[in-house]
Amino acid sequence: MTQPMQILCAAVLLTTFGAAHAERVYVKARGEVDLTPFRCENVARSENVKRLCYDERENYVLVSLKGIWYHFCHVPPTTVSGWKRASSKGRYYNDVIRGNFDCSDASAPAYK
């Protein structure tokens, strides 16, 4: 196989498999969201918070709480950093996040 053909095949494989592995989650009160623009972290040692995803450009958080995804708007990076460092992710959620960063339909960023 010639080098241009090898490059073309590699590009097709990367495009095909990259698209096939794009992760999407269903967010309560929002619908399906593609996690591609987010930086996500699995959370160990928490009964409630299972995964935390943040899009810093939009200041938008998706969080899996006991397997159900929720979203929060206008969350500053310092708040997300504090959440990641907190010894109790669930307590930080209850004390700092819950009720303070609720999204309305107009404030949630649009993702395609």
PDB file of N, CA and C in Angstrom:
ATOM      1  N   MET A   1       0.851  -1.172   0.000  1.00  0.00           N
ATOM      2  CA  MET A   1       0.000   0.000   0.000  1.00  0.00           C
ATOM      3  C   MET A   1       0.902   1.243   0.000  1.00  0.00           C
ATOM      4  N   THR A   2       0.555   2.214  -0.804  1.00  0.00           N
ATOM      5  CA  THR A   2       1.355   3.428  -0.897  1.00  0.00           C
ATOM      6  C   THR A   2       1.156   4.292   0.348  1.00  0.00           C
ATOM      7  N   GLN A   3       2.108   5.192   0.586  1.00  0.00           N
ATOM      8  CA  GLN A   3       2.020   6.051   1.763  1.00  0.00           C
ATOM      9  C   GLN A   3       0.761   6.932   1.759  1.00  0.00           C
ATOM     10  N   PRO A   4       0.381   7.576   0.646  1.00  0.00           N
ATOM     11  CA  PRO A   4      -0.871   8.357   0.665  1.00  0.00           C
ATOM     12  C   PRO A   4      -2.091   7.501   1.004  1.00  0.00           C
ATOM     13  N   MET A   5      -2.102   6.270   0.509  1.00  0.00           N
ATOM     14  CA  MET A   5      -3.221   5.372   0.792  1.00  0.00           C
ATOM     15  C   MET A   5      -3.240   4.990   2.269  1.00  0.00           C
ATOM     16  N   GLN A   6      -2.057   4.780   2.870  1.00  0.00           N
ATOM     17  CA  GLN A   6      -1.968   4.470   4.295  1.00  0.00           C
ATOM     18  C   GLN A   6      -2.489   5.635   5.131  1.00  0.00           C
ATOM     19  N   ILE A   7      -2.126   6.847   4.746  1.00  0.00           N
ATOM     20  CA  ILE A   7      -2.584   8.038   5.471  1.00  0.00           C
ATOM     21  C   ILE A   7      -4.099   8.170   5.363  1.00  0.00           C
ATOM     22  N   LEU A   8      -4.633   7.945   4.169  1.00  0.00           N
ATOM     23  CA  LEU A   8      -6.082   8.023   3.961  1.00  0.00           C
ATOM     24  C   LEU A   8      -6.803   6.972   4.805  1.00  0.00           C
ATOM     25  N   CYS A   9      -6.310   5.767   4.822  1.00  0.00           N
ATOM     26  CA  CYS A   9      -6.926   4.698   5.621  1.00  0.00           C
ATOM     27  C   CYS A   9      -6.884   5.034   7.110  1.00  0.00           C
ATOM     28  N   ALA A  10      -5.754   5.554   7.570  1.00  0.00           N
ATOM     29  CA  ALA A  10      -5.630   5.929   8.981  1.00  0.00           C
ATOM     30  C   ALA A  10      -6.615   7.034   9.335  1.00  0.00           C
ATOM     31  N   ALA A  11      -6.759   8.016   8.459  1.00  0.00           N
ATOM     32  CA  ALA A  11      -7.698   9.120   8.706  1.00  0.00           C
ATOM     33  C   ALA A  11      -9.131   8.612   8.767  1.00  0.00           C
ATOM     34  N   VAL A  12      -9.489   7.710   7.865  1.00  0.00           N
ATOM     35  CA  VAL A  12     -10.844   7.147   7.866  1.00  0.00           C
ATOM     36  C   VAL A  12     -11.089   6.357   9.146  1.00  0.00           C
ATOM     37  N   LEU A  13     -10.126   5.554   9.559  1.00  0.00           N
ATOM     38  CA  LEU A  13     -10.271   4.778  10.790  1.00  0.00           C
ATOM     39  C   LEU A  13     -10.409   5.680  12.005  1.00  0.00           C
ATOM     40  N   LEU A  14      -9.584   6.709  12.094  1.00  0.00           N
ATOM     41  CA  LEU A  14      -9.662   7.626  13.231  1.00  0.00           C
ATOM     42  C   LEU A  14     -10.999   8.350  13.268  1.00  0.00           C
ATOM     43  N   THR A  15     -11.457   8.801  12.129  1.00  0.00           N
ATOM     44  CA  THR A  15     -12.743   9.493  12.064  1.00  0.00           C
ATOM     45  C   THR A  15     -13.875   8.554  12.440  1.00  0.00           C
ATOM     46  N   THR A  16     -13.857   7.361  11.903  1.00  0.00           N
ATOM     47  CA  THR A  16     -14.919   6.391  12.167  1.00  0.00           C
ATOM     48  C   THR A  16     -14.947   5.986  13.625  1.00  0.00           C
ATOM     49  N   PHE A  17     -13.801   5.591  14.157  1.00  0.00           N
ATOM     50  CA  PHE A  17     -13.777   5.124  15.537  1.00  0.00           C
ATOM     51  C   PHE A  17     -13.894   6.269  16.530  1.00  0.00           C
ATOM     52  N   GLY A  18     -13.382   7.434  16.202  1.00  0.00           N
ATOM     53  CA  GLY A  18     -13.529   8.594  17.083  1.00  0.00           C
ATOM     54  C   GLY A  18     -14.988   8.963  17.243  1.00  0.00           C
ATOM     55  N   ALA A  19     -15.739   8.983  16.156  1.00  0.00           N
ATOM     56  CA  ALA A  19     -17.153   9.310  16.210  1.00  0.00           C
ATOM     57  C   ALA A  19     -17.938   8.224  16.938  1.00  0.00           C
ATOM     58  N   ALA A  20     -17.536   6.973  16.743  1.00  0.00           N
ATOM     59  CA  ALA A  20     -18.256   5.872  17.372  1.00  0.00           C
ATOM     60  C   ALA A  20     -18.074   5.871  18.886  1.00  0.00           C
ATOM     61  N   HIS A  21     -16.997   6.440  19.365  1.00  0.00           N
ATOM     62  CA  HIS A  21     -16.713   6.415  20.789  1.00  0.00           C
ATOM     63  C   HIS A  21     -17.035   7.727  21.497  1.00  0.00           C
ATOM     64  N   ALA A  22     -17.678   8.667  20.810  1.00  0.00           N
ATOM     65  CA  ALA A  22     -18.064   9.911  21.463  1.00  0.00           C
ATOM     66  C   ALA A  22     -19.074   9.571  22.553  1.00  0.00           C
ATOM     67  N   GLU A  23     -18.808  10.045  23.755  1.00  0.00           N
ATOM     68  CA  GLU A  23     -19.681   9.730  24.874  1.00  0.00           C
ATOM     69  C   GLU A  23     -20.787  10.758  24.997  1.00  0.00           C
ATOM     70  N   ARG A  24     -22.000  10.274  25.172  1.00  0.00           N
ATOM     71  CA  ARG A  24     -23.162  11.131  25.353  1.00  0.00           C
ATOM     72  C   ARG A  24     -23.871  10.666  26.622  1.00  0.00           C
ATOM     73  N   VAL A  25     -24.435  11.619  27.358  1.00  0.00           N
ATOM     74  CA  VAL A  25     -25.188  11.279  28.562  1.00  0.00           C
ATOM     75  C   VAL A  25     -26.544  11.969  28.515  1.00  0.00           C
ATOM     76  N   TYR A  26     -27.506  11.380  29.198  1.00  0.00           N
ATOM     77  CA  TYR A  26     -28.831  11.996  29.298  1.00  0.00           C
ATOM     78  C   TYR A  26     -28.887  12.790  30.591  1.00  0.00           C
ATOM     79  N   VAL A  27     -29.092  14.107  30.467  1.00  0.00           N
ATOM     80  CA  VAL A  27     -29.102  15.021  31.613  1.00  0.00           C
ATOM     81  C   VAL A  27     -30.541  15.347  31.972  1.00  0.00           C
ATOM     82  N   LYS A  28     -30.889  15.157  33.231  1.00  0.00           N
ATOM     83  CA  LYS A  28     -32.239  15.438  33.713  1.00  0.00           C
ATOM     84  C   LYS A  28     -32.585  16.907  33.448  1.00  0.00           C
ATOM     85  N   ALA A  29     -33.783  17.164  32.977  1.00  0.00           N
ATOM     86  CA  ALA A  29     -34.293  18.510  32.670  1.00  0.00           C
ATOM     87  C   ALA A  29     -33.574  19.174  31.502  1.00  0.00           C
ATOM     88  N   ARG A  30     -32.801  18.386  30.750  1.00  0.00           N
ATOM     89  CA  ARG A  30     -32.097  18.960  29.606  1.00  0.00           C
ATOM     90  C   ARG A  30     -32.176  18.053  28.382  1.00  0.00           C
ATOM     91  N   GLY A  31     -31.832  16.795  28.556  1.00  0.00           N
ATOM     92  CA  GLY A  31     -31.768  15.862  27.439  1.00  0.00           C
ATOM     93  C   GLY A  31     -30.346  15.386  27.220  1.00  0.00           C
ATOM     94  N   GLU A  32     -30.085  14.881  26.037  1.00  0.00           N
ATOM     95  CA  GLU A  32     -28.788  14.285  25.726  1.00  0.00           C
ATOM     96  C   GLU A  32     -27.727  15.355  25.469  1.00  0.00           C
ATOM     97  N   VAL A  33     -26.525  15.124  26.017  1.00  0.00           N
ATOM     98  CA  VAL A  33     -25.399  16.042  25.845  1.00  0.00           C
ATOM     99  C   VAL A  33     -24.159  15.228  25.482  1.00  0.00           C
ATOM    100  N   ASP A  34     -23.434  15.699  24.478  1.00  0.00           N
ATOM    101  CA  ASP A  34     -22.162  15.104  24.064  1.00  0.00           C
ATOM    102  C   ASP A  34     -21.074  15.619  24.999  1.00  0.00           C
ATOM    103  N   LEU A  35     -20.296  14.721  25.560  1.00  0.00           N
ATOM    104  CA  LEU A  35     -19.259  15.114  26.525  1.00  0.00           C
ATOM    105  C   LEU A  35     -17.942  15.548  25.885  1.00  0.00           C
ATOM    106  N   THR A  36     -17.879  15.611  24.567  1.00  0.00           N
ATOM    107  CA  THR A  36     -16.628  15.964  23.896  1.00  0.00           C
ATOM    108  C   THR A  36     -16.014  17.274  24.399  1.00  0.00           C
ATOM    109  N   PRO A  37     -16.786  18.370  24.582  1.00  0.00           N
ATOM    110  CA  PRO A  37     -16.146  19.615  25.028  1.00  0.00           C
ATOM    111  C   PRO A  37     -15.836  19.669  26.529  1.00  0.00           C
ATOM    112  N   PHE A  38     -16.177  18.623  27.257  1.00  0.00           N
ATOM    113  CA  PHE A  38     -16.015  18.625  28.713  1.00  0.00           C
ATOM    114  C   PHE A  38     -14.734  17.930  29.138  1.00  0.00           C
ATOM    115  N   ARG A  39     -14.226  18.348  30.270  1.00  0.00           N
ATOM    116  CA  ARG A  39     -13.153  17.624  30.953  1.00  0.00           C
ATOM    117  C   ARG A  39     -13.836  16.879  32.103  1.00  0.00           C
ATOM    118  N   CYS A  40     -13.833  15.555  32.021  1.00  0.00           N
ATOM    119  CA  CYS A  40     -14.560  14.731  32.991  1.00  0.00           C
ATOM    120  C   CYS A  40     -13.609  13.956  33.888  1.00  0.00           C
ATOM    121  N   GLU A  41     -14.056  13.765  35.119  1.00  0.00           N
ATOM    122  CA  GLU A  41     -13.299  12.973  36.082  1.00  0.00           C
ATOM    123  C   GLU A  41     -14.238  12.038  36.811  1.00  0.00           C
ATOM    124  N   ASN A  42     -13.839  10.782  36.916  1.00  0.00           N
ATOM    125  CA  ASN A  42     -14.564   9.860  37.776  1.00  0.00           C
ATOM    126  C   ASN A  42     -14.238  10.221  39.215  1.00  0.00           C
ATOM    127  N   VAL A  43     -15.213  10.073  40.083  1.00  0.00           N
ATOM    128  CA  VAL A  43     -15.022  10.422  41.487  1.00  0.00           C
ATOM    129  C   VAL A  43     -15.041   9.143  42.310  1.00  0.00           C
ATOM    130  N   ALA A  44     -13.932   8.883  42.970  1.00  0.00           N
ATOM    131  CA  ALA A  44     -13.838   7.732  43.867  1.00  0.00           C
ATOM    132  C   ALA A  44     -14.165   8.218  45.289  1.00  0.00           C
ATOM    133  N   ARG A  45     -14.476   7.320  46.132  1.00  0.00           N
ATOM    134  CA  ARG A  45     -14.707   7.630  47.540  1.00  0.00           C
ATOM    135  C   ARG A  45     -15.880   8.591  47.761  1.00  0.00           C
ATOM    136  N   SER A  46     -16.932   8.468  46.967  1.00  0.00           N
ATOM    137  CA  SER A  46     -18.134   9.261  47.188  1.00  0.00           C
ATOM    138  C   SER A  46     -19.347   8.387  46.918  1.00  0.00           C
ATOM    139  N   GLU A  47     -20.260   8.359  47.862  1.00  0.00           N
ATOM    140  CA  GLU A  47     -21.480   7.581  47.674  1.00  0.00           C
ATOM    141  C   GLU A  47     -22.432   8.266  46.699  1.00  0.00           C
ATOM    142  N   ASN A  48     -22.382   9.587  46.616  1.00  0.00           N
ATOM    143  CA  ASN A  48     -23.337  10.338  45.806  1.00  0.00           C
ATOM    144  C   ASN A  48     -22.772  10.803  44.470  1.00  0.00           C
ATOM    145  N   VAL A  49     -21.626  11.460  44.494  1.00  0.00           N
ATOM    146  CA  VAL A  49     -21.042  12.033  43.286  1.00  0.00           C
ATOM    147  C   VAL A  49     -20.198  10.971  42.596  1.00  0.00           C
ATOM    148  N   LYS A  50     -20.607  10.582  41.388  1.00  0.00           N
ATOM    149  CA  LYS A  50     -19.916   9.515  40.674  1.00  0.00           C
ATOM    150  C   LYS A  50     -18.990  10.035  39.578  1.00  0.00           C
ATOM    151  N   ARG A  51     -19.393  11.147  38.942  1.00  0.00           N
ATOM    152  CA  ARG A  51     -18.584  11.711  37.857  1.00  0.00           C
ATOM    153  C   ARG A  51     -18.869  13.191  37.759  1.00  0.00           C
ATOM    154  N   LEU A  52     -17.825  13.952  37.489  1.00  0.00           N
ATOM    155  CA  LEU A  52     -17.921  15.403  37.399  1.00  0.00           C
ATOM    156  C   LEU A  52     -17.311  15.841  36.078  1.00  0.00           C
ATOM    157  N   CYS A  53     -18.099  16.558  35.259  1.00  0.00           N
ATOM    158  CA  CYS A  53     -17.649  17.031  33.949  1.00  0.00           C
ATOM    159  C   CYS A  53     -17.808  18.540  33.894  1.00  0.00           C
ATOM    160  N   TYR A  54     -16.773  19.207  33.373  1.00  0.00           N
ATOM    161  CA  TYR A  54     -16.790  20.672  33.358  1.00  0.00           C
ATOM    162  C   TYR A  54     -16.347  21.202  32.004  1.00  0.00           C
ATOM    163  N   ASP A  55     -17.131  22.120  31.483  1.00  0.00           N
ATOM    164  CA  ASP A  55     -16.767  22.864  30.282  1.00  0.00           C
ATOM    165  C   ASP A  55     -16.406  24.269  30.749  1.00  0.00           C
ATOM    166  N   GLU A  56     -15.112  24.522  30.889  1.00  0.00           N
ATOM    167  CA  GLU A  56     -14.646  25.794  31.441  1.00  0.00           C
ATOM    168  C   GLU A  56     -14.997  26.977  30.540  1.00  0.00           C
ATOM    169  N   ARG A  57     -15.023  26.762  29.244  1.00  0.00           N
ATOM    170  CA  ARG A  57     -15.350  27.852  28.314  1.00  0.00           C
ATOM    171  C   ARG A  57     -16.770  28.368  28.567  1.00  0.00           C
ATOM    172  N   GLU A  58     -17.675  27.460  28.904  1.00  0.00           N
ATOM    173  CA  GLU A  58     -19.079  27.822  29.146  1.00  0.00           C
ATOM    174  C   GLU A  58     -19.423  27.933  30.636  1.00  0.00           C
ATOM    175  N   ASN A  59     -18.464  27.604  31.515  1.00  0.00           N
ATOM    176  CA  ASN A  59     -18.716  27.557  32.961  1.00  0.00           C
ATOM    177  C   ASN A  59     -19.932  26.682  33.269  1.00  0.00           C
ATOM    178  N   TYR A  60     -19.927  25.514  32.671  1.00  0.00           N
ATOM    179  CA  TYR A  60     -21.079  24.615  32.714  1.00  0.00           C
ATOM    180  C   TYR A  60     -20.648  23.265  33.269  1.00  0.00           C
ATOM    181  N   VAL A  61     -21.380  22.776  34.265  1.00  0.00           N
ATOM    182  CA  VAL A  61     -21.053  21.519  34.940  1.00  0.00           C
ATOM    183  C   VAL A  61     -22.135  20.480  34.685  1.00  0.00           C
ATOM    184  N   LEU A  62     -21.696  19.266  34.412  1.00  0.00           N
ATOM    185  CA  LEU A  62     -22.562  18.093  34.421  1.00  0.00           C
ATOM    186  C   LEU A  62     -22.037  17.186  35.520  1.00  0.00           C
ATOM    187  N   VAL A  63     -22.936  16.662  36.325  1.00  0.00           N
ATOM    188  CA  VAL A  63     -22.508  15.787  37.415  1.00  0.00           C
ATOM    189  C   VAL A  63     -23.449  14.594  37.496  1.00  0.00           C
ATOM    190  N   SER A  64     -22.864  13.430  37.703  1.00  0.00           N
ATOM    191  CA  SER A  64     -23.642  12.221  37.911  1.00  0.00           C
ATOM    192  C   SER A  64     -23.778  12.011  39.414  1.00  0.00           C
ATOM    193  N   LEU A  65     -25.005  12.117  39.885  1.00  0.00           N
ATOM    194  CA  LEU A  65     -25.310  11.885  41.297  1.00  0.00           C
ATOM    195  C   LEU A  65     -26.104  10.589  41.395  1.00  0.00           C
ATOM    196  N   LYS A  66     -25.471   9.579  41.952  1.00  0.00           N
ATOM    197  CA  LYS A  66     -26.079   8.254  42.066  1.00  0.00           C
ATOM    198  C   LYS A  66     -26.606   7.767  40.723  1.00  0.00           C
ATOM    199  N   GLY A  67     -25.868   8.077  39.644  1.00  0.00           N
ATOM    200  CA  GLY A  67     -26.207   7.588  38.318  1.00  0.00           C
ATOM    201  C   GLY A  67     -27.156   8.465  37.520  1.00  0.00           C
ATOM    202  N   ILE A  68     -27.658   9.546  38.090  1.00  0.00           N
ATOM    203  CA  ILE A  68     -28.527  10.480  37.368  1.00  0.00           C
ATOM    204  C   ILE A  68     -27.725  11.742  37.095  1.00  0.00           C
ATOM    205  N   TRP A  69     -27.726  12.184  35.830  1.00  0.00           N
ATOM    206  CA  TRP A  69     -26.959  13.365  35.436  1.00  0.00           C
ATOM    207  C   TRP A  69     -27.773  14.640  35.640  1.00  0.00           C
ATOM    208  N   TYR A  70     -27.125  15.652  36.232  1.00  0.00           N
ATOM    209  CA  TYR A  70     -27.718  16.973  36.452  1.00  0.00           C
ATOM    210  C   TYR A  70     -26.784  18.022  35.847  1.00  0.00           C
ATOM    211  N   HIS A  71     -27.315  19.216  35.596  1.00  0.00           N
ATOM    212  CA  HIS A  71     -26.480  20.282  35.033  1.00  0.00           C
ATOM    213  C   HIS A  71     -26.588  21.546  35.869  1.00  0.00           C
ATOM    214  N   PHE A  72     -25.492  22.330  35.822  1.00  0.00           N
ATOM    215  CA  PHE A  72     -25.400  23.579  36.578  1.00  0.00           C
ATOM    216  C   PHE A  72     -24.703  24.627  35.720  1.00  0.00           C
ATOM    217  N   CYS A  73     -25.238  25.843  35.745  1.00  0.00           N
ATOM    218  CA  CYS A  73     -24.770  26.929  34.875  1.00  0.00           C
ATOM    219  C   CYS A  73     -24.002  27.992  35.647  1.00  0.00           C
ATOM    220  N   HIS A  74     -23.135  28.684  34.925  1.00  0.00           N
ATOM    221  CA  HIS A  74     -22.371  29.826  35.454  1.00  0.00           C
ATOM    222  C   HIS A  74     -21.537  29.445  36.689  1.00  0.00           C
ATOM    223  N   VAL A  75     -20.928  28.267  36.627  1.00  0.00           N
ATOM    224  CA  VAL A  75     -20.107  27.780  37.738  1.00  0.00           C
ATOM    225  C   VAL A  75     -18.661  28.196  37.477  1.00  0.00           C
ATOM    226  N   PRO A  76     -18.095  29.059  38.338  1.00  0.00           N
ATOM    227  CA  PRO A  76     -16.715  29.517  38.119  1.00  0.00           C
ATOM    228  C   PRO A  76     -15.701  28.379  38.282  1.00  0.00           C
ATOM    229  N   PRO A  77     -14.568  28.489  37.594  1.00  0.00           N
ATOM    230  CA  PRO A  77     -13.522  27.461  37.729  1.00  0.00           C
ATOM    231  C   PRO A  77     -13.067  27.252  39.170  1.00  0.00           C
ATOM    232  N   THR A  78     -13.022  28.314  39.962  1.00  0.00           N
ATOM    233  CA  THR A  78     -12.581  28.165  41.354  1.00  0.00           C
ATOM    234  C   THR A  78     -13.552  27.301  42.158  1.00  0.00           C
ATOM    235  N   THR A  79     -14.829  27.385  41.844  1.00  0.00           N
ATOM    236  CA  THR A  79     -15.826  26.556  42.530  1.00  0.00           C
ATOM    237  C   THR A  79     -15.651  25.089  42.152  1.00  0.00           C
ATOM    238  N   VAL A  80     -15.400  24.829  40.880  1.00  0.00           N
ATOM    239  CA  VAL A  80     -15.184  23.446  40.428  1.00  0.00           C
ATOM    240  C   VAL A  80     -13.898  22.892  41.039  1.00  0.00           C
ATOM    241  N   SER A  81     -12.848  23.698  41.083  1.00  0.00           N
ATOM    242  CA  SER A  81     -11.588  23.260  41.712  1.00  0.00           C
ATOM    243  C   SER A  81     -11.806  22.924  43.182  1.00  0.00           C
ATOM    244  N   GLY A  82     -12.566  23.760  43.871  1.00  0.00           N
ATOM    245  CA  GLY A  82     -12.880  23.491  45.275  1.00  0.00           C
ATOM    246  C   GLY A  82     -13.644  22.197  45.445  1.00  0.00           C
ATOM    247  N   TRP A  83     -14.565  21.951  44.521  1.00  0.00           N
ATOM    248  CA  TRP A  83     -15.351  20.713  44.570  1.00  0.00           C
ATOM    249  C   TRP A  83     -14.443  19.507  44.383  1.00  0.00           C
ATOM    250  N   LYS A  84     -13.522  19.588  43.435  1.00  0.00           N
ATOM    251  CA  LYS A  84     -12.612  18.471  43.177  1.00  0.00           C
ATOM    252  C   LYS A  84     -11.699  18.205  44.375  1.00  0.00           C
ATOM    253  N   ARG A  85     -11.317  19.267  45.082  1.00  0.00           N
ATOM    254  CA  ARG A  85     -10.415  19.119  46.234  1.00  0.00           C
ATOM    255  C   ARG A  85     -11.142  18.754  47.525  1.00  0.00           C
ATOM    256  N   ALA A  86     -12.443  18.921  47.559  1.00  0.00           N
ATOM    257  CA  ALA A  86     -13.207  18.717  48.800  1.00  0.00           C
ATOM    258  C   ALA A  86     -13.062  17.280  49.305  1.00  0.00           C
ATOM    259  N   SER A  87     -12.933  17.137  50.609  1.00  0.00           N
ATOM    260  CA  SER A  87     -12.829  15.798  51.191  1.00  0.00           C
ATOM    261  C   SER A  87     -14.153  15.049  51.063  1.00  0.00           C
ATOM    262  N   SER A  88     -15.268  15.778  51.060  1.00  0.00           N
ATOM    263  CA  SER A  88     -16.581  15.176  50.839  1.00  0.00           C
ATOM    264  C   SER A  88     -17.237  15.858  49.648  1.00  0.00           C
ATOM    265  N   LYS A  89     -17.259  15.158  48.511  1.00  0.00           N
ATOM    266  CA  LYS A  89     -17.846  15.731  47.291  1.00  0.00           C
ATOM    267  C   LYS A  89     -19.353  15.955  47.461  1.00  0.00           C
ATOM    268  N   GLY A  90     -20.024  15.030  48.152  1.00  0.00           N
ATOM    269  CA  GLY A  90     -21.458  15.160  48.386  1.00  0.00           C
ATOM    270  C   GLY A  90     -21.793  16.342  49.283  1.00  0.00           C
ATOM    271  N   ARG A  91     -21.015  16.544  50.318  1.00  0.00           N
ATOM    272  CA  ARG A  91     -21.246  17.679  51.220  1.00  0.00           C
ATOM    273  C   ARG A  91     -20.986  18.999  50.488  1.00  0.00           C
ATOM    274  N   TYR A  92     -19.933  19.052  49.677  1.00  0.00           N
ATOM    275  CA  TYR A  92     -19.635  20.258  48.891  1.00  0.00           C
ATOM    276  C   TYR A  92     -20.790  20.544  47.937  1.00  0.00           C
ATOM    277  N   TYR A  93     -21.308  19.491  47.300  1.00  0.00           N
ATOM    278  CA  TYR A  93     -22.459  19.665  46.411  1.00  0.00           C
ATOM    279  C   TYR A  93     -23.634  20.284  47.184  1.00  0.00           C
ATOM    280  N   ASN A  94     -23.963  19.711  48.326  1.00  0.00           N
ATOM    281  CA  ASN A  94     -25.103  20.203  49.107  1.00  0.00           C
ATOM    282  C   ASN A  94     -24.891  21.621  49.641  1.00  0.00           C
ATOM    283  N   ASP A  95     -23.674  21.925  50.062  1.00  0.00           N
ATOM    284  CA  ASP A  95     -23.393  23.221  50.683  1.00  0.00           C
ATOM    285  C   ASP A  95     -23.130  24.346  49.690  1.00  0.00           C
ATOM    286  N   VAL A  96     -22.532  24.025  48.540  1.00  0.00           N
ATOM    287  CA  VAL A  96     -22.057  25.083  47.631  1.00  0.00           C
ATOM    288  C   VAL A  96     -22.786  25.085  46.284  1.00  0.00           C
ATOM    289  N   ILE A  97     -23.016  23.930  45.714  1.00  0.00           N
ATOM    290  CA  ILE A  97     -23.547  23.847  44.348  1.00  0.00           C
ATOM    291  C   ILE A  97     -25.074  23.877  44.317  1.00  0.00           C
ATOM    292  N   ARG A  98     -25.676  22.990  45.033  1.00  0.00           N
ATOM    293  CA  ARG A  98     -27.132  22.812  45.002  1.00  0.00           C
ATOM    294  C   ARG A  98     -27.867  24.112  45.326  1.00  0.00           C
ATOM    295  N   GLY A  99     -28.744  24.511  44.417  1.00  0.00           N
ATOM    296  CA  GLY A  99     -29.554  25.715  44.627  1.00  0.00           C
ATOM    297  C   GLY A  99     -28.877  27.021  44.256  1.00  0.00           C
ATOM    298  N   ASN A 100     -27.583  26.977  43.945  1.00  0.00           N
ATOM    299  CA  ASN A 100     -26.855  28.210  43.632  1.00  0.00           C
ATOM    300  C   ASN A 100     -26.504  28.390  42.161  1.00  0.00           C
ATOM    301  N   PHE A 101     -26.540  27.328  41.388  1.00  0.00           N
ATOM    302  CA  PHE A 101     -26.118  27.406  39.986  1.00  0.00           C
ATOM    303  C   PHE A 101     -27.132  26.738  39.059  1.00  0.00           C
ATOM    304  N   ASP A 102     -28.407  26.859  39.412  1.00  0.00           N
ATOM    305  CA  ASP A 102     -29.441  26.232  38.603  1.00  0.00           C
ATOM    306  C   ASP A 102     -29.487  26.839  37.211  1.00  0.00           C
ATOM    307  N   CYS A 103     -29.807  26.010  36.244  1.00  0.00           N
ATOM    308  CA  CYS A 103     -29.907  26.441  34.848  1.00  0.00           C
ATOM    309  C   CYS A 103     -31.366  26.668  34.480  1.00  0.00           C
ATOM    310  N   SER A 104     -31.609  27.750  33.780  1.00  0.00           N
ATOM    311  CA  SER A 104     -32.890  27.905  33.109  1.00  0.00           C
ATOM    312  C   SER A 104     -32.667  27.470  31.668  1.00  0.00           C
ATOM    313  N   ASP A 105     -33.733  27.287  30.926  1.00  0.00           N
ATOM    314  CA  ASP A 105     -33.578  26.902  29.519  1.00  0.00           C
ATOM    315  C   ASP A 105     -32.737  27.918  28.768  1.00  0.00           C
ATOM    316  N   ALA A 106     -32.863  29.191  29.114  1.00  0.00           N
ATOM    317  CA  ALA A 106     -32.133  30.247  28.405  1.00  0.00           C
ATOM    318  C   ALA A 106     -30.668  30.297  28.798  1.00  0.00           C
ATOM    319  N   SER A 107     -30.314  29.867  30.008  1.00  0.00           N
ATOM    320  CA  SER A 107     -28.929  30.017  30.447  1.00  0.00           C
ATOM    321  C   SER A 107     -28.055  28.799  30.141  1.00  0.00           C
ATOM    322  N   ALA A 108     -28.654  27.668  29.844  1.00  0.00           N
ATOM    323  CA  ALA A 108     -27.866  26.478  29.518  1.00  0.00           C
ATOM    324  C   ALA A 108     -27.262  26.629  28.136  1.00  0.00           C
ATOM    325  N   PRO A 109     -25.963  26.366  27.987  1.00  0.00           N
ATOM    326  CA  PRO A 109     -25.325  26.502  26.668  1.00  0.00           C
ATOM    327  C   PRO A 109     -25.882  25.496  25.671  1.00  0.00           C
ATOM    328  N   ALA A 110     -25.862  25.878  24.426  1.00  0.00           N
ATOM    329  CA  ALA A 110     -26.341  24.983  23.354  1.00  0.00           C
ATOM    330  C   ALA A 110     -25.179  24.137  22.863  1.00  0.00           C
ATOM    331  N   TYR A 111     -25.368  22.841  22.842  1.00  0.00           N
ATOM    332  CA  TYR A 111     -24.388  21.915  22.288  1.00  0.00           C
ATOM    333  C   TYR A 111     -25.057  21.177  21.152  1.00  0.00           C
ATOM    334  N   LYS A 112     -24.301  20.899  20.104  1.00  0.00           N
ATOM    335  CA  LYS A 112     -24.866  20.182  18.956  1.00  0.00           C
ATOM    336  C   LYS A 112     -24.528  18.734  19.030  1.00  0.00           C
TER     337      LYS A 112
END
